[in-house]
C-alpha atoms as a PDB file:
ATOM      1  CA  MET A   1     -39.668  14.135  43.974  1.00  0.00           C
ATOM      2  CA  ASN A   2     -38.320  10.968  42.099  1.00  0.00           C
ATOM      3  CA  SER A   3     -34.012  11.344  40.626  1.00  0.00           C
ATOM      4  CA  THR A   4     -34.999  11.927  37.458  1.00  0.00           C
ATOM      5  CA  LYS A   5     -36.072  15.181  35.945  1.00  0.00           C
ATOM      6  CA  VAL A   6     -39.211  15.704  34.049  1.00  0.00           C
ATOM      7  CA  SER A   7     -39.982  18.550  32.163  1.00  0.00           C
ATOM      8  CA  LEU A   8     -44.248  19.483  32.280  1.00  0.00           C
ATOM      9  CA  THR A   9     -43.913  21.038  29.338  1.00  0.00           C
ATOM     10  CA  ASP A  10     -43.296  17.383  27.284  1.00  0.00           C
ATOM     11  CA  CYS A  11     -46.101  16.227  29.332  1.00  0.00           C
ATOM     12  CA  PHE A  12     -48.514  18.257  27.715  1.00  0.00           C
ATOM     13  CA  GLY A  13     -48.609  20.463  25.274  1.00  0.00           C
ATOM     14  CA  PRO A  14     -48.465  24.419  24.363  1.00  0.00           C
ATOM     15  CA  ALA A  15     -52.411  24.512  24.326  1.00  0.00           C
ATOM     16  CA  TYR A  16     -52.437  24.756  28.066  1.00  0.00           C
ATOM     17  CA  TYR A  17     -49.046  26.272  28.674  1.00  0.00           C
ATOM     18  CA  GLU A  18     -51.427  29.805  29.995  1.00  0.00           C
ATOM     19  CA  ILE A  19     -54.023  27.217  31.841  1.00  0.00           C
ATOM     20  CA  PHE A  20     -51.276  25.531  33.731  1.00  0.00           C
ATOM     21  CA  HIS A  21     -50.072  29.240  35.229  1.00  0.00           C
ATOM     22  CA  ASP A  22     -54.002  30.483  35.893  1.00  0.00           C
ATOM     23  CA  VAL A  23     -54.350  26.991  38.072  1.00  0.00           C
ATOM     24  CA  GLU A  24     -50.840  28.185  39.556  1.00  0.00           C
ATOM     25  CA  ALA A  25     -51.945  31.270  40.692  1.00  0.00           C
ATOM     26  CA  ARG A  26     -55.475  29.829  41.458  1.00  0.00           C
ATOM     27  CA  ASN A  27     -56.802  32.525  39.611  1.00  0.00           C
ATOM     28  CA  ASN A  28     -60.420  30.099  39.153  1.00  0.00           C
ATOM     29  CA  MET A  29     -62.224  27.846  41.274  1.00  0.00           C
ATOM     30  CA  ILE A  30     -62.855  25.706  38.316  1.00  0.00           C
ATOM     31  CA  TYR A  31     -61.554  24.708  35.303  1.00  0.00           C
ATOM     32  CA  TRP A  32     -63.743  23.621  31.876  1.00  0.00           C
ATOM     33  CA  LEU A  33     -61.690  21.441  29.721  1.00  0.00           C
ATOM     34  CA  LYS A  34     -63.600  20.797  26.393  1.00  0.00           C
ATOM     35  CA  GLY A  35     -62.833  19.672  23.030  1.00  0.00           C
ATOM     36  CA  GLY A  36     -62.897  16.697  20.228  1.00  0.00           C
ATOM     37  CA  ARG A  37     -60.911  13.585  20.678  1.00  0.00           C
ATOM     38  CA  GLY A  38     -57.121  13.670  20.826  1.00  0.00           C
ATOM     39  CA  SER A  39     -56.805  17.084  22.344  1.00  0.00           C
ATOM     40  CA  LEU A  40     -55.107  16.150  25.548  1.00  0.00           C
ATOM     41  CA  LYS A  41     -57.397  17.709  27.823  1.00  0.00           C
ATOM     42  CA  GLY A  42     -57.662  15.184  30.025  1.00  0.00           C
ATOM     43  CA  SER A  43     -54.302  14.552  30.557  1.00  0.00           C
ATOM     44  CA  PHE A  44     -53.383  17.688  31.527  1.00  0.00           C
ATOM     45  CA  ALA A  45     -55.908  17.489  34.495  1.00  0.00           C
ATOM     46  CA  TYR A  46     -54.535  14.719  35.418  1.00  0.00           C
ATOM     47  CA  LEU A  47     -51.016  15.542  34.783  1.00  0.00           C
ATOM     48  CA  TYR A  48     -51.348  18.505  36.894  1.00  0.00           C
ATOM     49  CA  THR A  49     -52.981  16.811  39.684  1.00  0.00           C
ATOM     50  CA  ILE A  50     -49.938  13.847  40.530  1.00  0.00           C
ATOM     51  CA  PHE A  51     -47.972  16.852  39.846  1.00  0.00           C
ATOM     52  CA  ASP A  52     -49.699  19.330  42.517  1.00  0.00           C
ATOM     53  CA  LEU A  53     -50.306  16.563  45.310  1.00  0.00           C
ATOM     54  CA  THR A  54     -46.470  15.291  45.468  1.00  0.00           C
ATOM     55  CA  ARG A  55     -45.105  18.462  45.397  1.00  0.00           C
ATOM     56  CA  ASP A  56     -47.221  18.912  48.562  1.00  0.00           C
ATOM     57  CA  ALA A  57     -46.349  15.874  49.453  1.00  0.00           C
ATOM     58  CA  GLU A  58     -42.165  16.751  49.246  1.00  0.00           C
ATOM     59  CA  ASN A  59     -42.945  20.077  51.293  1.00  0.00           C
ATOM     60  CA  GLY A  60     -44.581  17.779  53.661  1.00  0.00           C
ATOM     61  CA  VAL A  61     -47.965  19.252  53.532  1.00  0.00           C
ATOM     62  CA  VAL A  62     -51.133  16.330  53.494  1.00  0.00           C
ATOM     63  CA  THR A  63     -53.368  17.293  50.304  1.00  0.00           C
ATOM     64  CA  HIS A  64     -55.731  14.443  48.364  1.00  0.00           C
ATOM     65  CA  ALA A  65     -57.870  14.868  45.428  1.00  0.00           C
ATOM     66  CA  VAL A  66     -61.370  12.423  44.413  1.00  0.00           C
ATOM     67  CA  GLY A  67     -61.636  11.706  40.458  1.00  0.00           C
ATOM     68  CA  LEU A  68     -65.502  11.336  40.053  1.00  0.00           C
ATOM     69  CA  ARG A  69     -67.773   9.806  37.328  1.00  0.00           C
ATOM     70  CA  LYS A  70     -70.937   9.584  37.344  1.00  0.00           C
ATOM     71  CA  VAL A  71     -71.310   5.598  37.107  1.00  0.00           C
ATOM     72  CA  GLY A  72     -68.850   4.252  39.457  1.00  0.00           C
ATOM     73  CA  LEU A  73     -68.088   0.884  36.765  1.00  0.00           C
ATOM     74  CA  THR A  74     -66.704   3.304  34.251  1.00  0.00           C
ATOM     75  CA  ILE A  75     -64.078   4.631  36.701  1.00  0.00           C
ATOM     76  CA  ARG A  76     -61.733   1.715  37.037  1.00  0.00           C
ATOM     77  CA  ASP A  77     -60.675   1.596  33.346  1.00  0.00           C
ATOM     78  CA  SER A  78     -60.935   5.465  33.388  1.00  0.00           C
ATOM     79  CA  VAL A  79     -59.925   8.197  36.001  1.00  0.00           C
ATOM     80  CA  PHE A  80     -58.329   5.216  37.964  1.00  0.00           C
ATOM     81  CA  THR A  81     -56.042   4.136  35.073  1.00  0.00           C
ATOM     82  CA  ASN A  82     -55.569   7.737  33.767  1.00  0.00           C
ATOM     83  CA  PHE A  83     -53.807   8.639  36.799  1.00  0.00           C
ATOM     84  CA  LEU A  84     -51.667   6.000  36.759  1.00  0.00           C
ATOM     85  CA  TRP A  85     -50.846   6.873  33.613  1.00  0.00           C
ATOM     86  CA  ALA A  86     -50.142  10.256  34.593  1.00  0.00           C
ATOM     87  CA  ILE A  87     -47.949   9.172  37.485  1.00  0.00           C
ATOM     88  CA  ASN A  88     -45.680   6.851  34.898  1.00  0.00           C
ATOM     89  CA  LYS A  89     -45.168   9.754  32.468  1.00  0.00           C
ATOM     90  CA  LEU A  90     -43.792  12.072  35.294  1.00  0.00           C
ATOM     91  CA  GLY A  91     -41.125   9.425  36.161  1.00  0.00           C
ATOM     92  CA  LEU A  92     -42.936   9.368  39.734  1.00  0.00           C
ATOM     93  CA  ARG A  93     -43.755   5.580  39.616  1.00  0.00           C
ATOM     94  CA  ASP A  94     -41.290   5.185  42.989  1.00  0.00           C
ATOM     95  CA  SER A  95     -43.240   7.974  44.611  1.00  0.00           C
ATOM     96  CA  TRP A  96     -47.122   6.165  44.602  1.00  0.00           C
ATOM     97  CA  GLY A  97     -48.767   3.532  45.120  1.00  0.00           C
ATOM     98  CA  TYR A  98     -52.197   2.176  44.924  1.00  0.00           C
ATOM     99  CA  THR A  99     -54.592  -0.780  45.066  1.00  0.00           C
ATOM    100  CA  ILE A 100     -57.605  -2.034  43.171  1.00  0.00           C
ATOM    101  CA  SER A 101     -60.291  -2.717  45.460  1.00  0.00           C
ATOM    102  CA  PRO A 102     -60.546  -0.751  46.644  1.00  0.00           C
ATOM    103  CA  MET A 103     -59.714   2.136  44.597  1.00  0.00           C
ATOM    104  CA  LYS A 104     -57.437   4.425  46.016  1.00  0.00           C
ATOM    105  CA  ILE A 105     -54.208   5.933  44.850  1.00  0.00           C
ATOM    106  CA  TRP A 106     -51.611   6.969  48.486  1.00  0.00           C
ATOM    107  CA  HIS A 107     -47.724   8.452  47.873  1.00  0.00           C
ATOM    108  CA  LYS A 108     -45.418   6.673  49.681  1.00  0.00           C
ATOM    109  CA  LYS A 109     -43.865   9.586  51.987  1.00  0.00           C
ATOM    110  CA  THR A 110     -46.801  11.017  53.906  1.00  0.00           C
ATOM    111  CA  GLY A 111     -50.123   9.271  52.667  1.00  0.00           C
ATOM    112  CA  ASN A 112     -51.623  12.468  50.118  1.00  0.00           C
ATOM    113  CA  THR A 113     -54.194  10.098  48.580  1.00  0.00           C
ATOM    114  CA  ILE A 114     -56.396   9.922  45.857  1.00  0.00           C
ATOM    115  CA  LEU A 115     -59.684   8.595  46.129  1.00  0.00           C
ATOM    116  CA  PHE A 116     -63.065   7.630  43.630  1.00  0.00           C
ATOM    117  CA  ARG A 117     -66.223   7.399  44.094  1.00  0.00           C
ATOM    118  CA  GLY A 118     -69.139   7.195  41.468  1.00  0.00           C
ATOM    119  CA  CYS A 119     -72.754   9.519  41.705  1.00  0.00           C
ATOM    120  CA  ALA A 120     -75.131   7.353  40.182  1.00  0.00           C
ATOM    121  CA  ASN A 121     -77.328   7.217  43.678  1.00  0.00           C
ATOM    122  CA  GLN A 122     -78.309   8.890  47.087  1.00  0.00           C
ATOM    123  CA  ARG A 123     -76.057   6.296  47.936  1.00  0.00           C
ATOM    124  CA  ASP A 124     -73.381   6.874  46.695  1.00  0.00           C
ATOM    125  CA  TYR A 125     -73.808  10.487  47.399  1.00  0.00           C
ATOM    126  CA  GLU A 126     -74.389   9.440  51.498  1.00  0.00           C
ATOM    127  CA  LYS A 127     -70.801   8.097  50.392  1.00  0.00           C
ATOM    128  CA  ILE A 128     -69.276  11.528  48.766  1.00  0.00           C
ATOM    129  CA  LYS A 129     -71.003  13.059  51.659  1.00  0.00           C
ATOM    130  CA  SER A 130     -69.254  10.917  54.546  1.00  0.00           C
ATOM    131  CA  LEU A 131     -65.832  11.103  53.183  1.00  0.00           C
ATOM    132  CA  LYS A 132     -63.433  12.173  55.652  1.00  0.00           C
ATOM    133  CA  PHE A 133     -59.370  12.652  55.480  1.00  0.00           C
ATOM    134  CA  GLU A 134     -57.677  11.342  58.973  1.00  0.00           C
ATOM    135  CA  LYS A 135     -54.807  14.731  58.110  1.00  0.00           C
ATOM    136  CA  GLY A 136     -55.536  16.814  55.236  1.00  0.00           C
ATOM    137  CA  TYR A 137     -57.890  18.396  53.161  1.00  0.00           C
ATOM    138  CA  CYS A 138     -59.585  17.688  49.631  1.00  0.00           C
ATOM    139  CA  LYS A 139     -57.435  19.497  47.480  1.00  0.00           C
ATOM    140  CA  ILE A 140     -58.405  19.042  43.930  1.00  0.00           C
ATOM    141  CA  ALA A 141     -61.586  17.146  42.128  1.00  0.00           C
ATOM    142  CA  ILE A 142     -61.801  15.346  39.289  1.00  0.00           C
ATOM    143  CA  PHE A 143     -65.509  14.629  36.911  1.00  0.00           C
ATOM    144  CA  GLU A 144     -64.656  13.073  34.331  1.00  0.00           C
ATOM    145  CA  GLU A 145     -67.614  13.277  30.835  1.00  0.00           C
ATOM    146  CA  LEU A 146     -69.541  16.011  32.789  1.00  0.00           C
ATOM    147  CA  THR A 147     -72.126  15.167  30.449  1.00  0.00           C
ATOM    148  CA  GLU A 148     -72.777  12.458  32.135  1.00  0.00           C
ATOM    149  CA  PHE A 149     -73.751  14.554  34.732  1.00  0.00           C
ATOM    150  CA  ALA A 150     -77.711  16.673  35.230  1.00  0.00           C
ATOM    151  CA  GLY A 151     -76.521  19.421  35.549  1.00  0.00           C
ATOM    152  CA  MET A 152     -74.310  22.591  37.723  1.00  0.00           C
ATOM    153  CA  ASP A 153     -77.017  21.913  41.039  1.00  0.00           C
ATOM    154  CA  GLU A 154     -74.864  18.971  41.374  1.00  0.00           C
ATOM    155  CA  ILE A 155     -72.033  19.531  40.593  1.00  0.00           C
ATOM    156  CA  ASP A 156     -71.590  22.382  43.111  1.00  0.00           C
ATOM    157  CA  SER A 157     -73.092  20.027  45.546  1.00  0.00           C
ATOM    158  CA  ILE A 158     -70.458  17.461  44.893  1.00  0.00           C
ATOM    159  CA  GLN A 159     -68.198  20.434  44.942  1.00  0.00           C
ATOM    160  CA  GLN A 160     -69.888  21.923  48.054  1.00  0.00           C
ATOM    161  CA  SER A 161     -69.183  18.116  50.533  1.00  0.00           C
ATOM    162  CA  LEU A 162     -66.010  17.860  49.317  1.00  0.00           C
ATOM    163  CA  PHE A 163     -64.015  21.233  49.758  1.00  0.00           C
ATOM    164  CA  ARG A 164     -66.690  21.849  53.529  1.00  0.00           C
ATOM    165  CA  GLY A 165     -64.233  21.320  56.556  1.00  0.00           C
ATOM    166  CA  SER A 166     -60.806  21.836  55.006  1.00  0.00           C
ATOM    167  CA  ASN A 167     -57.633  21.964  57.884  1.00  0.00           C
ATOM    168  CA  GLU A 168     -60.977  21.882  60.440  1.00  0.00           C
ATOM    169  CA  GLU A 169     -58.724  18.939  62.961  1.00  0.00           C
ATOM    170  CA  ASP A 170     -56.193  21.659  62.963  1.00  0.00           C
ATOM    171  CA  THR A 171     -57.701  24.973  63.694  1.00  0.00           C
ATOM    172  CA  GLY A 172     -60.857  23.548  65.087  1.00  0.00           C
ATOM    173  CA  GLU A 173     -62.803  26.118  63.116  1.00  0.00           C
ATOM    174  CA  ASP A 174     -64.903  24.997  59.268  1.00  0.00           C
ATOM    175  CA  PHE A 175     -64.081  26.594  56.500  1.00  0.00           C
ATOM    176  CA  GLY A 176     -62.681  25.508  52.973  1.00  0.00           C
ATOM    177  CA  ASN A 177     -59.359  26.003  51.594  1.00  0.00           C
ATOM    178  CA  GLU A 178     -58.678  28.588  49.417  1.00  0.00           C
ATOM    179  CA  GLU A 179     -56.844  26.732  47.765  1.00  0.00           C
ATOM    180  CA  SER A 180     -58.793  23.886  46.304  1.00  0.00           C
ATOM    181  CA  ILE A 181     -60.078  23.628  42.539  1.00  0.00           C
ATOM    182  CA  THR A 182     -61.652  21.278  40.669  1.00  0.00           C
ATOM    183  CA  PHE A 183     -61.628  20.566  36.650  1.00  0.00           C
ATOM    184  CA  VAL A 184     -64.158  19.434  34.243  1.00  0.00           C
ATOM    185  CA  MET A 185     -63.883  17.475  31.148  1.00  0.00           C
ATOM    186  CA  TYR A 186     -66.052  16.222  28.282  1.00  0.00           C
ATOM    187  CA  ASN A 187     -65.740  16.607  24.608  1.00  0.00           C
ATOM    188  CA  PRO A 188     -69.428  18.674  24.412  1.00  0.00           C
ATOM    189  CA  PRO A 189     -72.092  17.318  22.992  1.00  0.00           C
ATOM    190  CA  ALA A 190     -74.029  17.909  19.291  1.00  0.00           C
ATOM    191  CA  SER A 191     -76.834  19.400  20.591  1.00  0.00           C
ATOM    192  CA  ARG A 192     -77.010  22.749  21.372  1.00  0.00           C
ATOM    193  CA  LYS A 193     -79.733  22.656  23.682  1.00  0.00           C
ATOM    194  CA  ASN A 194     -77.341  20.260  26.149  1.00  0.00           C
ATOM    195  CA  TRP A 195     -77.161  21.780  29.353  1.00  0.00           C
ATOM    196  CA  VAL A 196     -73.517  21.380  29.207  1.00  0.00           C
ATOM    197  CA  ASN A 197     -73.609  23.532  25.769  1.00  0.00           C
ATOM    198  CA  GLU A 198     -76.119  26.210  27.378  1.00  0.00           C
ATOM    199  CA  GLU A 199     -74.044  26.203  30.488  1.00  0.00           C
ATOM    200  CA  SER A 200     -71.138  26.749  28.344  1.00  0.00           C
ATOM    201  CA  ARG A 201     -71.643  29.644  26.309  1.00  0.00           C
ATOM    202  CA  LYS A 202     -73.298  30.994  29.792  1.00  0.00           C
ATOM    203  CA  LEU A 203     -70.471  31.383  31.144  1.00  0.00           C
ATOM    204  CA  ARG A 204     -68.326  32.889  28.867  1.00  0.00           C
ATOM    205  CA  GLN A 205     -70.715  34.962  27.490  1.00  0.00           C
ATOM    206  CA  LEU A 206     -70.469  36.459  31.438  1.00  0.00           C
ATOM    207  CA  ASN A 207     -66.268  36.519  31.208  1.00  0.00           C
ATOM    208  CA  GLU A 208     -66.190  38.336  27.789  1.00  0.00           C
ATOM    209  CA  ASN A 209     -68.755  40.888  29.701  1.00  0.00           C
ATOM    210  CA  GLY A 210     -66.352  41.292  32.556  1.00  0.00           C
ATOM    211  CA  GLU A 211     -68.164  38.883  34.992  1.00  0.00           C
ATOM    212  CA  ASP A 212     -65.778  37.522  37.571  1.00  0.00           C
ATOM    213  CA  THR A 213     -67.597  33.534  37.396  1.00  0.00           C
ATOM    214  CA  GLY A 214     -64.463  31.927  39.196  1.00  0.00           C
ATOM    215  CA  VAL A 215     -64.647  29.577  35.784  1.00  0.00           C
ATOM    216  CA  TYR A 216     -62.047  29.849  33.289  1.00  0.00           C
ATOM    217  CA  ILE A 217     -62.955  27.433  29.872  1.00  0.00           C
ATOM    218  CA  LEU A 218     -60.645  25.976  27.618  1.00  0.00           C
ATOM    219  CA  HIS A 219     -61.381  24.265  23.941  1.00  0.00           C
ATOM    220  CA  THR A 220     -59.120  22.867  22.396  1.00  0.00           C
ATOM    221  CA  THR A 221     -58.676  19.558  19.493  1.00  0.00           C
ATOM    222  CA  TYR A 222     -56.168  17.351  18.708  1.00  0.00           C
ATOM    223  CA  LEU A 223     -54.554  20.302  16.183  1.00  0.00           C
ATOM    224  CA  GLN A 224     -53.238  21.238  18.783  1.00  0.00           C
ATOM    225  CA  ALA A 225     -51.169  18.665  19.578  1.00  0.00           C
ATOM    226  CA  LYS A 226     -48.124  16.573  18.546  1.00  0.00           C
ATOM    227  CA  LYS A 227     -48.886  14.028  15.716  1.00  0.00           C
ATOM    228  CA  SER A 228     -46.529  11.940  17.287  1.00  0.00           C
ATOM    229  CA  TRP A 229     -48.405  11.922  20.462  1.00  0.00           C
ATOM    230  CA  LEU A 230     -51.424  10.725  18.784  1.00  0.00           C
ATOM    231  CA  GLY A 231     -50.259   8.727  16.263  1.00  0.00           C
ATOM    232  CA  LYS A 232     -50.197   8.552  12.679  1.00  0.00           C
ATOM    233  CA  PRO A 233     -53.810   6.097  12.517  1.00  0.00           C
ATOM    234  CA  PHE A 234     -55.425   9.107  15.240  1.00  0.00           C
ATOM    235  CA  VAL A 235     -54.651  11.501  12.504  1.00  0.00           C
ATOM    236  CA  ASP A 236     -55.440   9.584   9.028  1.00  0.00           C
ATOM    237  CA  LYS A 237     -58.690   8.216  10.207  1.00  0.00           C
ATOM    238  CA  ALA A 238     -59.559  11.909  11.742  1.00  0.00           C
ATOM    239  CA  ASN A 239     -58.671  13.417   7.687  1.00  0.00           C
ATOM    240  CA  GLN A 240     -60.402  10.815   6.629  1.00  0.00           C
ATOM    241  CA  ILE A 241     -63.423  11.559   8.136  1.00  0.00           C
ATOM    242  CA  LYS A 242     -63.285  14.981   7.435  1.00  0.00           C
ATOM    243  CA  LYS A 243     -62.634  14.344   4.361  1.00  0.00           C
ATOM    244  CA  PHE A 244     -66.242  12.102   3.712  1.00  0.00           C
ATOM    245  CA  ASN A 245     -68.085  13.835   6.942  1.00  0.00           C
ATOM    246  CA  TYR A 246     -67.083  16.458   6.880  1.00  0.00           C
ATOM    247  CA  ARG A 247     -69.667  17.453   9.673  1.00  0.00           C
ATOM    248  CA  LYS A 248     -68.627  13.859  11.620  1.00  0.00           C
ATOM    249  CA  TYR A 249     -65.360  15.757  11.909  1.00  0.00           C
ATOM    250  CA  GLN A 250     -66.197  18.927  13.026  1.00  0.00           C
ATOM    251  CA  HIS A 251     -68.162  17.694  16.750  1.00  0.00           C
ATOM    252  CA  MET A 252     -65.633  14.613  16.715  1.00  0.00           C
ATOM    253  CA  TYR A 253     -62.393  16.135  16.589  1.00  0.00           C
ATOM    254  CA  LEU A 254     -62.784  19.322  16.483  1.00  0.00           C
ATOM    255  CA  GLY A 255     -65.942  20.174  19.313  1.00  0.00           C
ATOM    256  CA  GLU A 256     -68.069  21.032  17.947  1.00  0.00           C
ATOM    257  CA  GLU A 257     -71.601  21.815  18.586  1.00  0.00           C
ATOM    258  CA  THR A 258     -72.986  21.041  14.452  1.00  0.00           C
ATOM    259  CA  GLY A 259     -77.069  20.504  15.307  1.00  0.00           C
ATOM    260  CA  GLU A 260     -79.859  19.584  17.827  1.00  0.00           C
ATOM    261  CA  GLY A 261     -77.628  15.814  17.971  1.00  0.00           C
ATOM    262  CA  LEU A 262     -81.064  14.349  17.395  1.00  0.00           C
ATOM    263  CA  GLU A 263     -82.090  13.561  13.361  1.00  0.00           C
ATOM    264  CA  ILE A 264     -82.385   9.943  12.646  1.00  0.00           C
ATOM    265  CA  TYR A 265     -81.698  11.086   9.419  1.00  0.00           C
ATOM    266  CA  PRO A 266     -79.459  13.721   8.729  1.00  0.00           C
ATOM    267  CA  PRO A 267     -79.562  15.980   6.385  1.00  0.00           C
ATOM    268  CA  ILE A 268     -77.582  16.489   3.038  1.00  0.00           C
ATOM    269  CA  ALA A 269     -75.375  20.424   3.102  1.00  0.00           C
ATOM    270  CA  LYS A 270     -72.977  22.438   1.986  1.00  0.00           C
ATOM    271  CA  ASP A 271     -71.062  20.813   5.371  1.00  0.00           C
ATOM    272  CA  ASN A 272     -72.537  17.465   4.611  1.00  0.00           C
ATOM    273  CA  PRO A 273     -72.575  16.067   2.026  1.00  0.00           C
ATOM    274  CA  ASN A 274     -72.977  12.511   2.674  1.00  0.00           C
ATOM    275  CA  GLY A 275     -75.872  12.923   4.862  1.00  0.00           C
ATOM    276  CA  LEU A 276     -79.104  11.505   4.504  1.00  0.00           C
ATOM    277  CA  VAL A 277     -81.895  13.529   3.610  1.00  0.00           C
ATOM    278  CA  GLU A 278     -82.072  16.424   1.066  1.00  0.00           C
ATOM    279  CA  TYR A 279     -84.391  19.117   1.252  1.00  0.00           C
ATOM    280  CA  ARG A 280     -86.631  20.271  -1.792  1.00  0.00           C
ATOM    281  CA  THR A 281     -89.397  20.930  -3.241  1.00  0.00           C
ATOM    282  CA  ILE A 282     -90.985  17.958  -5.464  1.00  0.00           C
ATOM    283  CA  THR A 283     -91.406  18.828  -8.953  1.00  0.00           C
ATOM    284  CA  ASN A 284     -94.490  17.993 -10.070  1.00  0.00           C
ATOM    285  CA  GLU A 285     -92.848  16.235 -13.103  1.00  0.00           C
ATOM    286  CA  GLU A 286     -91.578  14.023 -10.031  1.00  0.00           C
ATOM    287  CA  ILE A 287     -95.510  13.222  -8.846  1.00  0.00           C
ATOM    288  CA  LYS A 288     -95.907  12.144 -12.507  1.00  0.00           C
ATOM    289  CA  GLN A 289     -93.803   9.426 -12.493  1.00  0.00           C
ATOM    290  CA  PHE A 290     -94.640   8.397  -8.824  1.00  0.00           C
ATOM    291  CA  THR A 291     -96.378   4.076  -9.472  1.00  0.00           C
ATOM    292  CA  LYS A 292     -97.764   3.597  -5.984  1.00  0.00           C
ATOM    293  CA  ILE A 293     -99.179   6.623  -3.273  1.00  0.00           C
ATOM    294  CA  ASP A 294    -100.680   5.605  -0.002  1.00  0.00           C
ATOM    295  CA  ARG A 295    -102.174   9.026   2.794  1.00  0.00           C
ATOM    296  CA  GLY A 296    -102.752   8.800   5.853  1.00  0.00           C
ATOM    297  CA  LEU A 297    -103.207  11.030   8.801  1.00  0.00           C
ATOM    298  CA  ASP A 298    -100.874  11.033  11.755  1.00  0.00           C
ATOM    299  CA  PHE A 299    -103.393  12.349  14.857  1.00  0.00           C
ATOM    300  CA  GLY A 300     -99.820  12.083  17.393  1.00  0.00           C
ATOM    301  CA  LEU A 301    -101.342  13.478  20.965  1.00  0.00           C
ATOM    302  CA  MET A 302    -104.254  15.420  19.266  1.00  0.00           C
ATOM    303  CA  TYR A 303    -106.075  12.310  18.621  1.00  0.00           C
ATOM    304  CA  SER A 304    -108.743  11.024  21.706  1.00  0.00           C
ATOM    305  CA  PRO A 305    -110.740   8.281  21.177  1.00  0.00           C
ATOM    306  CA  LEU A 306    -114.379   8.495  21.999  1.00  0.00           C
ATOM    307  CA  VAL A 307    -115.043   5.467  24.389  1.00  0.00           C
ATOM    308  CA  ALA A 308    -118.600   4.269  24.068  1.00  0.00           C
END
């Protein structure tokens, strides 16, 4: 590796030490990193991928990674840039090269590569299914913004395409590599009914019941990160929102489900004093003060006019 030594503990926070050892042991197949803004969840996944692929390259092992988002046009300013950030953070700029068109990152010694794919349509999926490495195998897949995807069936299908056929040129056999893993990252939506939240609750319950799901779920917040990493403006803004709109703070910064997430006029509540609607009974005294009264009916879908 580069002669400049960088400590991994100085790159990602203590909240990720345990999951780092779990990933190293390959105790699970997929790692869910979720939480609010500033929780450093993405930083860990990108740093670990560069660390792992660099280690393989230094040992003469050819492995690859694929970064994915639902819409390919969003990759350059997110997934691609995050990998370049991780390379610089680890002091490995001399070891890795890259091109923007096409988007590709590679290790200069062995050719270990990081490729990027969108998943918006059938054409994108065909490109993933036909993805082939000249040598080596896909070791890590990263799904940025999991909530953009349609569901776990979509994630599972992409994983099957990426991880199938590992090492088949070397052995003549078609099998997946046992070291291949997936990172998914997202900020939990406000709605409890969102598929990501429902899937997370289901998996967590199965894990708590002792079932081997192969999934490690880690929820972190900015409160577990070093303030110096986030910067004073970030922390000040979080505290401001916490003071004036606590429900928004819960969702945005703590990554909590705060309701259905569909309210046009959020209600006033103890945890959201700045809501827009107060739910209570209108008194007779208030009704007497009404100066203008309109009456109407909402037939909705039940109304079916007769056509002569």
